N, C-alpha and C. Protein backbone atom coordinates (compact mmCIF):
# COMPACT_ATOMS: atom_id res chain seq x y z
N UNK A 1 -9.48 -2.31 14.45
CA UNK A 1 -8.39 -1.50 14.97
C UNK A 1 -7.06 -2.07 14.48
N UNK A 2 -6.51 -3.05 15.17
CA UNK A 2 -5.29 -3.69 14.70
C UNK A 2 -5.25 -5.12 15.23
N UNK A 3 -4.50 -5.94 14.50
CA UNK A 3 -4.41 -7.36 14.85
C UNK A 3 -2.95 -7.73 15.07
N UNK A 4 -2.66 -8.33 16.21
CA UNK A 4 -1.31 -8.78 16.53
C UNK A 4 -1.16 -10.23 16.05
N UNK A 5 -0.90 -10.39 14.79
CA UNK A 5 -0.80 -11.71 14.17
C UNK A 5 0.65 -12.16 14.12
N UNK A 6 1.00 -13.25 14.82
CA UNK A 6 2.40 -13.69 14.82
C UNK A 6 2.81 -14.29 13.47
N UNK A 7 4.10 -14.32 13.23
CA UNK A 7 4.63 -14.83 11.96
C UNK A 7 4.20 -16.28 11.73
N UNK A 8 4.02 -17.06 12.81
CA UNK A 8 3.60 -18.47 12.67
C UNK A 8 2.25 -18.60 11.95
N UNK A 9 1.41 -17.58 12.06
CA UNK A 9 0.07 -17.62 11.47
C UNK A 9 0.04 -17.20 10.00
N UNK A 10 1.17 -16.77 9.47
CA UNK A 10 1.24 -16.26 8.11
C UNK A 10 1.87 -17.31 7.21
N UNK A 11 1.24 -17.56 6.07
CA UNK A 11 1.72 -18.59 5.15
C UNK A 11 1.99 -18.00 3.77
N UNK A 12 3.02 -18.52 3.10
CA UNK A 12 3.26 -18.15 1.70
C UNK A 12 2.00 -18.50 0.91
N UNK A 13 1.57 -17.58 0.09
CA UNK A 13 0.36 -17.77 -0.70
C UNK A 13 -0.86 -17.10 -0.10
N UNK A 14 -0.81 -16.73 1.19
CA UNK A 14 -1.93 -15.96 1.75
C UNK A 14 -2.14 -14.74 0.88
N UNK A 15 -3.41 -14.40 0.61
CA UNK A 15 -3.67 -13.26 -0.25
C UNK A 15 -4.98 -12.59 0.12
N UNK A 16 -5.09 -11.34 -0.32
CA UNK A 16 -6.31 -10.57 -0.10
C UNK A 16 -6.51 -9.64 -1.28
N UNK A 17 -7.77 -9.35 -1.56
CA UNK A 17 -8.14 -8.41 -2.61
C UNK A 17 -9.15 -7.42 -2.02
N UNK A 18 -8.87 -6.14 -2.16
CA UNK A 18 -9.73 -5.08 -1.63
C UNK A 18 -9.91 -4.02 -2.71
N UNK A 19 -11.12 -3.50 -2.82
CA UNK A 19 -11.40 -2.43 -3.77
C UNK A 19 -11.70 -1.15 -3.00
N UNK A 20 -11.13 -0.03 -3.48
CA UNK A 20 -11.34 1.27 -2.84
C UNK A 20 -11.36 2.36 -3.89
N UNK A 21 -12.28 3.30 -3.71
CA UNK A 21 -12.31 4.49 -4.56
C UNK A 21 -11.46 5.57 -3.90
N UNK A 22 -10.55 6.16 -4.67
CA UNK A 22 -9.66 7.21 -4.16
C UNK A 22 -10.39 8.55 -4.28
N UNK A 23 -10.58 9.22 -3.15
CA UNK A 23 -11.38 10.43 -3.11
C UNK A 23 -10.53 11.69 -2.97
N UNK A 24 -11.15 12.83 -3.25
CA UNK A 24 -10.52 14.13 -3.02
C UNK A 24 -10.15 14.25 -1.54
N UNK A 25 -11.01 13.75 -0.65
CA UNK A 25 -10.72 13.82 0.79
C UNK A 25 -9.46 13.04 1.14
N UNK A 26 -9.27 11.86 0.52
CA UNK A 26 -8.04 11.09 0.75
C UNK A 26 -6.83 11.94 0.40
N UNK A 27 -6.88 12.58 -0.75
CA UNK A 27 -5.77 13.42 -1.19
C UNK A 27 -5.55 14.61 -0.29
N UNK A 28 -6.63 15.27 0.14
CA UNK A 28 -6.50 16.45 1.00
C UNK A 28 -5.88 16.07 2.33
N UNK A 29 -6.29 14.94 2.91
CA UNK A 29 -5.71 14.52 4.19
C UNK A 29 -4.23 14.17 4.03
N UNK A 30 -3.88 13.52 2.94
CA UNK A 30 -2.48 13.19 2.68
C UNK A 30 -1.65 14.47 2.56
N UNK A 31 -2.11 15.41 1.74
CA UNK A 31 -1.37 16.66 1.53
C UNK A 31 -1.23 17.42 2.86
N UNK A 32 -2.31 17.47 3.64
CA UNK A 32 -2.25 18.18 4.92
C UNK A 32 -1.27 17.52 5.88
N UNK A 33 -1.25 16.19 5.88
CA UNK A 33 -0.36 15.47 6.81
C UNK A 33 1.10 15.54 6.40
N UNK A 34 1.38 15.57 5.10
CA UNK A 34 2.77 15.47 4.64
C UNK A 34 3.36 16.78 4.14
N UNK A 35 2.52 17.72 3.77
CA UNK A 35 3.03 18.95 3.17
C UNK A 35 3.47 18.77 1.73
N UNK A 36 3.04 17.69 1.10
CA UNK A 36 3.39 17.41 -0.30
C UNK A 36 2.45 18.21 -1.20
N UNK A 37 2.85 19.43 -1.50
CA UNK A 37 2.03 20.31 -2.31
C UNK A 37 2.48 20.32 -3.77
N UNK A 38 2.88 19.15 -4.28
CA UNK A 38 3.25 19.06 -5.69
C UNK A 38 2.10 19.57 -6.54
N UNK A 39 2.37 20.48 -7.47
CA UNK A 39 1.28 21.11 -8.22
C UNK A 39 0.41 20.14 -9.02
N UNK A 40 0.95 19.01 -9.44
CA UNK A 40 0.13 18.06 -10.18
C UNK A 40 -0.94 17.44 -9.27
N UNK A 41 -0.75 17.56 -7.96
CA UNK A 41 -1.72 17.03 -7.00
C UNK A 41 -2.72 18.08 -6.51
N UNK A 42 -2.32 19.36 -6.50
CA UNK A 42 -3.16 20.37 -5.83
C UNK A 42 -3.57 21.55 -6.71
N UNK A 43 -2.97 21.73 -7.87
CA UNK A 43 -3.21 22.93 -8.68
C UNK A 43 -3.87 22.55 -10.01
N UNK A 44 -5.18 22.82 -10.11
CA UNK A 44 -5.93 22.47 -11.32
C UNK A 44 -5.32 23.12 -12.56
N UNK A 45 -4.98 24.41 -12.47
CA UNK A 45 -4.44 25.11 -13.64
C UNK A 45 -3.14 24.47 -14.12
N UNK A 46 -2.25 24.19 -13.19
CA UNK A 46 -0.99 23.54 -13.56
C UNK A 46 -1.26 22.14 -14.13
N UNK A 47 -2.08 21.38 -13.44
CA UNK A 47 -2.30 19.98 -13.83
C UNK A 47 -2.87 19.86 -15.25
N UNK A 48 -3.68 20.84 -15.66
CA UNK A 48 -4.24 20.77 -17.02
C UNK A 48 -3.17 20.95 -18.09
N UNK A 49 -2.00 21.48 -17.72
CA UNK A 49 -0.92 21.66 -18.70
C UNK A 49 -0.02 20.43 -18.80
N UNK A 50 -0.23 19.44 -17.94
CA UNK A 50 0.59 18.23 -17.96
C UNK A 50 0.02 17.21 -18.93
N UNK A 51 0.75 16.17 -19.17
CA UNK A 51 0.28 15.11 -20.07
C UNK A 51 -0.94 14.39 -19.52
N UNK A 52 -1.21 14.57 -18.22
CA UNK A 52 -2.36 13.92 -17.59
C UNK A 52 -3.65 14.73 -17.77
N UNK A 53 -3.52 16.04 -17.90
CA UNK A 53 -4.67 16.90 -18.17
C UNK A 53 -5.52 17.22 -16.95
N UNK A 54 -5.20 16.64 -15.82
CA UNK A 54 -5.95 16.90 -14.59
C UNK A 54 -5.10 16.49 -13.39
N UNK A 55 -5.57 16.89 -12.20
CA UNK A 55 -4.83 16.56 -10.99
C UNK A 55 -4.82 15.05 -10.76
N UNK A 56 -3.74 14.59 -10.15
CA UNK A 56 -3.57 13.18 -9.83
C UNK A 56 -3.46 13.00 -8.33
N UNK A 57 -3.87 11.84 -7.85
CA UNK A 57 -3.63 11.47 -6.46
C UNK A 57 -2.14 11.17 -6.30
N UNK A 58 -1.54 11.56 -5.18
CA UNK A 58 -0.12 11.26 -4.97
C UNK A 58 0.14 9.75 -4.98
N UNK A 59 1.18 9.34 -5.67
CA UNK A 59 1.50 7.91 -5.76
C UNK A 59 1.75 7.28 -4.41
N UNK A 60 2.46 8.00 -3.54
CA UNK A 60 2.78 7.40 -2.25
C UNK A 60 1.53 7.27 -1.38
N UNK A 61 0.50 8.08 -1.63
CA UNK A 61 -0.80 7.88 -0.98
C UNK A 61 -1.36 6.52 -1.36
N UNK A 62 -1.25 6.16 -2.62
CA UNK A 62 -1.74 4.87 -3.10
C UNK A 62 -0.92 3.75 -2.46
N UNK A 63 0.40 3.94 -2.37
CA UNK A 63 1.26 2.98 -1.68
C UNK A 63 0.85 2.83 -0.22
N UNK A 64 0.51 3.95 0.42
CA UNK A 64 0.08 3.91 1.82
C UNK A 64 -1.22 3.17 2.01
N UNK A 65 -2.15 3.35 1.09
CA UNK A 65 -3.41 2.59 1.15
C UNK A 65 -3.10 1.10 1.06
N UNK A 66 -2.18 0.75 0.18
CA UNK A 66 -1.80 -0.64 0.00
C UNK A 66 -1.21 -1.22 1.29
N UNK A 67 -0.32 -0.48 1.94
CA UNK A 67 0.28 -1.01 3.17
C UNK A 67 -0.73 -1.06 4.31
N UNK A 68 -1.73 -0.18 4.30
CA UNK A 68 -2.76 -0.27 5.34
C UNK A 68 -3.62 -1.52 5.14
N UNK A 69 -3.87 -1.89 3.89
CA UNK A 69 -4.59 -3.14 3.60
C UNK A 69 -3.76 -4.32 4.08
N UNK A 70 -2.45 -4.26 3.84
CA UNK A 70 -1.55 -5.32 4.29
C UNK A 70 -1.73 -5.57 5.79
N UNK A 71 -1.66 -4.50 6.58
CA UNK A 71 -1.75 -4.64 8.03
C UNK A 71 -3.15 -5.04 8.50
N UNK A 72 -4.16 -4.43 7.92
CA UNK A 72 -5.52 -4.65 8.39
C UNK A 72 -6.10 -5.98 7.93
N UNK A 73 -5.68 -6.46 6.76
CA UNK A 73 -6.36 -7.61 6.16
C UNK A 73 -5.50 -8.84 5.93
N UNK A 74 -4.16 -8.70 5.91
CA UNK A 74 -3.34 -9.84 5.50
C UNK A 74 -2.38 -10.33 6.57
N UNK A 75 -1.54 -9.48 7.11
CA UNK A 75 -0.49 -9.97 8.01
C UNK A 75 -0.56 -9.39 9.42
N UNK A 76 -1.48 -8.50 9.70
CA UNK A 76 -1.55 -7.89 11.02
C UNK A 76 -0.52 -6.78 11.17
N UNK A 77 -0.34 -6.34 12.42
CA UNK A 77 0.45 -5.14 12.67
C UNK A 77 1.77 -5.38 13.41
N UNK A 78 2.14 -6.64 13.64
CA UNK A 78 3.39 -6.90 14.37
C UNK A 78 4.64 -6.64 13.55
N UNK A 79 4.59 -6.93 12.26
CA UNK A 79 5.76 -6.75 11.41
C UNK A 79 6.01 -5.29 11.12
N UNK A 80 7.29 -4.94 10.98
CA UNK A 80 7.66 -3.58 10.59
C UNK A 80 8.37 -3.63 9.24
N UNK A 81 8.14 -2.62 8.44
CA UNK A 81 8.76 -2.57 7.11
C UNK A 81 10.26 -2.39 7.22
N UNK A 82 11.00 -3.23 6.50
CA UNK A 82 12.45 -3.04 6.41
C UNK A 82 12.89 -2.83 4.96
N UNK A 83 11.97 -3.08 4.02
CA UNK A 83 12.27 -2.84 2.59
C UNK A 83 10.95 -2.64 1.88
N UNK A 84 10.82 -1.51 1.20
CA UNK A 84 9.61 -1.21 0.42
C UNK A 84 10.02 -0.72 -0.95
N UNK A 85 9.58 -1.41 -1.98
CA UNK A 85 9.83 -0.99 -3.36
C UNK A 85 8.48 -0.78 -4.04
N UNK A 86 8.19 0.47 -4.38
CA UNK A 86 6.95 0.82 -5.06
C UNK A 86 7.27 1.24 -6.48
N UNK A 87 6.52 0.72 -7.43
CA UNK A 87 6.61 1.16 -8.81
C UNK A 87 5.25 1.75 -9.16
N UNK A 88 5.24 3.04 -9.49
CA UNK A 88 4.02 3.72 -9.85
C UNK A 88 3.88 3.60 -11.37
N UNK A 89 3.10 2.63 -11.80
CA UNK A 89 3.06 2.23 -13.20
C UNK A 89 1.96 2.90 -14.00
N UNK A 90 1.12 3.68 -13.33
CA UNK A 90 0.04 4.39 -14.02
C UNK A 90 -0.50 5.50 -13.15
N UNK A 91 -1.14 6.45 -13.77
CA UNK A 91 -1.70 7.59 -13.06
C UNK A 91 -2.98 7.19 -12.33
N UNK A 92 -3.18 7.78 -11.14
CA UNK A 92 -4.42 7.59 -10.39
C UNK A 92 -5.10 8.95 -10.27
N UNK A 93 -6.31 9.01 -10.78
CA UNK A 93 -7.10 10.23 -10.71
C UNK A 93 -8.10 10.11 -9.57
N UNK A 94 -8.45 11.26 -8.99
CA UNK A 94 -9.48 11.24 -7.95
C UNK A 94 -10.76 10.70 -8.56
N UNK A 95 -11.39 9.79 -7.84
CA UNK A 95 -12.59 9.12 -8.33
C UNK A 95 -12.31 7.75 -8.92
N UNK A 96 -11.03 7.43 -9.17
CA UNK A 96 -10.69 6.09 -9.66
C UNK A 96 -10.99 5.06 -8.58
N UNK A 97 -11.49 3.93 -9.02
CA UNK A 97 -11.72 2.80 -8.11
C UNK A 97 -10.63 1.78 -8.38
N UNK A 98 -9.82 1.53 -7.34
CA UNK A 98 -8.68 0.64 -7.47
C UNK A 98 -8.96 -0.69 -6.80
N UNK A 99 -8.50 -1.76 -7.43
CA UNK A 99 -8.53 -3.08 -6.81
C UNK A 99 -7.09 -3.44 -6.47
N UNK A 100 -6.86 -3.62 -5.17
CA UNK A 100 -5.55 -3.97 -4.63
C UNK A 100 -5.50 -5.47 -4.42
N UNK A 101 -4.49 -6.13 -4.97
CA UNK A 101 -4.24 -7.56 -4.75
C UNK A 101 -2.91 -7.65 -4.01
N UNK A 102 -2.92 -8.26 -2.83
CA UNK A 102 -1.72 -8.41 -2.03
C UNK A 102 -1.54 -9.88 -1.69
N UNK A 103 -0.28 -10.34 -1.66
CA UNK A 103 -0.03 -11.73 -1.32
C UNK A 103 1.34 -11.88 -0.65
N UNK A 104 1.43 -12.92 0.17
CA UNK A 104 2.69 -13.27 0.83
C UNK A 104 3.48 -14.11 -0.16
N UNK A 105 4.69 -13.65 -0.51
CA UNK A 105 5.49 -14.34 -1.53
C UNK A 105 6.62 -15.18 -0.95
N UNK A 106 7.03 -14.90 0.28
CA UNK A 106 8.11 -15.69 0.92
C UNK A 106 8.05 -15.45 2.42
N UNK A 107 8.63 -16.44 3.14
CA UNK A 107 8.67 -16.34 4.60
C UNK A 107 9.93 -17.03 5.08
N UNK A 108 10.63 -16.38 6.00
CA UNK A 108 11.83 -16.95 6.60
C UNK A 108 11.66 -16.83 8.11
N UNK A 109 11.24 -17.93 8.75
CA UNK A 109 10.97 -17.88 10.18
C UNK A 109 12.23 -17.63 11.00
N UNK A 110 13.36 -18.17 10.54
CA UNK A 110 14.61 -17.96 11.28
C UNK A 110 15.00 -16.48 11.28
N UNK A 111 14.87 -15.84 10.14
CA UNK A 111 15.19 -14.41 10.03
C UNK A 111 14.02 -13.54 10.50
N UNK A 112 12.85 -14.15 10.70
CA UNK A 112 11.62 -13.48 11.13
C UNK A 112 11.15 -12.46 10.09
N UNK A 113 11.26 -12.82 8.80
CA UNK A 113 10.84 -11.92 7.74
C UNK A 113 9.74 -12.53 6.90
N UNK A 114 8.92 -11.66 6.37
CA UNK A 114 7.87 -12.03 5.42
C UNK A 114 7.99 -11.07 4.24
N UNK A 115 8.11 -11.64 3.04
CA UNK A 115 8.10 -10.84 1.81
C UNK A 115 6.67 -10.82 1.29
N UNK A 116 6.26 -9.68 0.80
CA UNK A 116 4.92 -9.56 0.23
C UNK A 116 5.00 -8.75 -1.06
N UNK A 117 4.04 -9.00 -1.90
CA UNK A 117 3.96 -8.28 -3.17
C UNK A 117 2.52 -7.80 -3.35
N UNK A 118 2.36 -6.85 -4.24
CA UNK A 118 1.02 -6.32 -4.48
C UNK A 118 0.95 -5.72 -5.88
N UNK A 119 -0.28 -5.59 -6.32
CA UNK A 119 -0.59 -4.92 -7.57
C UNK A 119 -1.91 -4.19 -7.36
N UNK A 120 -2.01 -3.00 -7.93
CA UNK A 120 -3.29 -2.28 -7.91
C UNK A 120 -3.66 -1.94 -9.35
N UNK A 121 -4.93 -2.14 -9.66
CA UNK A 121 -5.45 -1.84 -10.99
C UNK A 121 -6.66 -0.92 -10.87
N UNK A 122 -6.79 -0.01 -11.84
CA UNK A 122 -7.95 0.88 -11.82
C UNK A 122 -9.16 0.20 -12.43
N UNK A 123 -10.25 0.91 -12.47
CA UNK A 123 -11.52 0.36 -12.94
C UNK A 123 -11.47 -0.08 -14.40
N UNK A 124 -10.47 0.36 -15.15
CA UNK A 124 -10.31 -0.04 -16.54
C UNK A 124 -9.37 -1.24 -16.68
N UNK A 125 -8.83 -1.71 -15.55
CA UNK A 125 -7.92 -2.85 -15.57
C UNK A 125 -6.46 -2.48 -15.76
N UNK A 126 -6.15 -1.20 -15.82
CA UNK A 126 -4.77 -0.74 -15.99
C UNK A 126 -4.03 -0.82 -14.66
N UNK A 127 -2.88 -1.47 -14.66
CA UNK A 127 -2.08 -1.53 -13.44
C UNK A 127 -1.51 -0.14 -13.15
N UNK A 128 -1.67 0.30 -11.89
CA UNK A 128 -1.18 1.62 -11.48
C UNK A 128 -0.11 1.53 -10.40
N UNK A 129 0.05 0.36 -9.78
CA UNK A 129 1.02 0.19 -8.70
C UNK A 129 1.49 -1.25 -8.64
N UNK A 130 2.80 -1.42 -8.43
CA UNK A 130 3.39 -2.73 -8.12
C UNK A 130 4.22 -2.55 -6.85
N UNK A 131 4.21 -3.57 -6.00
CA UNK A 131 4.96 -3.49 -4.75
C UNK A 131 5.71 -4.79 -4.53
N UNK A 132 6.94 -4.67 -4.00
CA UNK A 132 7.74 -5.80 -3.52
C UNK A 132 8.38 -5.32 -2.22
N UNK A 133 8.07 -5.98 -1.11
CA UNK A 133 8.50 -5.44 0.18
C UNK A 133 8.75 -6.57 1.18
N UNK A 134 9.39 -6.19 2.30
CA UNK A 134 9.72 -7.14 3.36
C UNK A 134 9.34 -6.56 4.71
N UNK A 135 8.78 -7.40 5.54
CA UNK A 135 8.47 -7.07 6.93
C UNK A 135 9.35 -7.89 7.85
N UNK A 136 9.72 -7.32 8.98
CA UNK A 136 10.48 -8.03 10.02
C UNK A 136 9.57 -8.16 11.23
N UNK A 137 9.49 -9.38 11.77
CA UNK A 137 8.63 -9.66 12.92
C UNK A 137 9.46 -9.75 14.19
N UNK A 138 8.84 -9.46 15.35
CA UNK A 138 9.57 -9.52 16.62
C UNK A 138 9.91 -10.94 17.01
N UNK A 139 10.91 -11.07 17.87
CA UNK A 139 11.25 -12.37 18.43
C UNK A 139 10.09 -12.86 19.28
N UNK A 140 9.96 -14.16 19.37
CA UNK A 140 8.94 -14.74 20.25
C UNK A 140 9.35 -14.52 21.69
N UNK A 141 8.38 -14.22 22.50
CA UNK A 141 8.65 -14.06 23.94
C UNK A 141 8.92 -15.41 24.56
N UNK A 142 9.86 -15.47 25.47
CA UNK A 142 10.19 -16.72 26.15
C UNK A 142 9.00 -17.16 27.01
N UNK A 143 8.76 -18.42 27.04
CA UNK A 143 7.68 -18.98 27.84
C UNK A 143 8.05 -18.90 29.32
N UNK A 144 7.10 -18.54 30.16
CA UNK A 144 7.36 -18.42 31.59
C UNK A 144 6.79 -19.63 32.37
N UNK A 145 6.34 -20.64 31.67
CA UNK A 145 5.79 -21.81 32.36
C UNK A 145 6.79 -22.90 32.52
């Protein structure tokens, strides 16, 4: 479900690697939730006329998968995003199997921030996503003892 991991438990260099195949269902749920009906994502006829030759998964869907891995597997759910920079460096087609590598690149306990970075590569080893982002963690609760 979710993990309430405090900033004290997170260390620079912590990392995780997860592999996921991007499915048509992933894309359909994203489009239904966001209303992002960009024709390169939903229209086969249009997509065949593009340089890609077929429909692509939305880039921000791939970014969202990456941030869900961050919360579920690396830093927990206490931090909130205050800066997200995504670079969509390659096309993702439905059926592609992506390997996401995420790591903690910096931590400032006084500011209660954690910087993290990520890269995703497809089954051919081509990088399709780069991320550089910052999370802000809540203040520690005062001790009542």
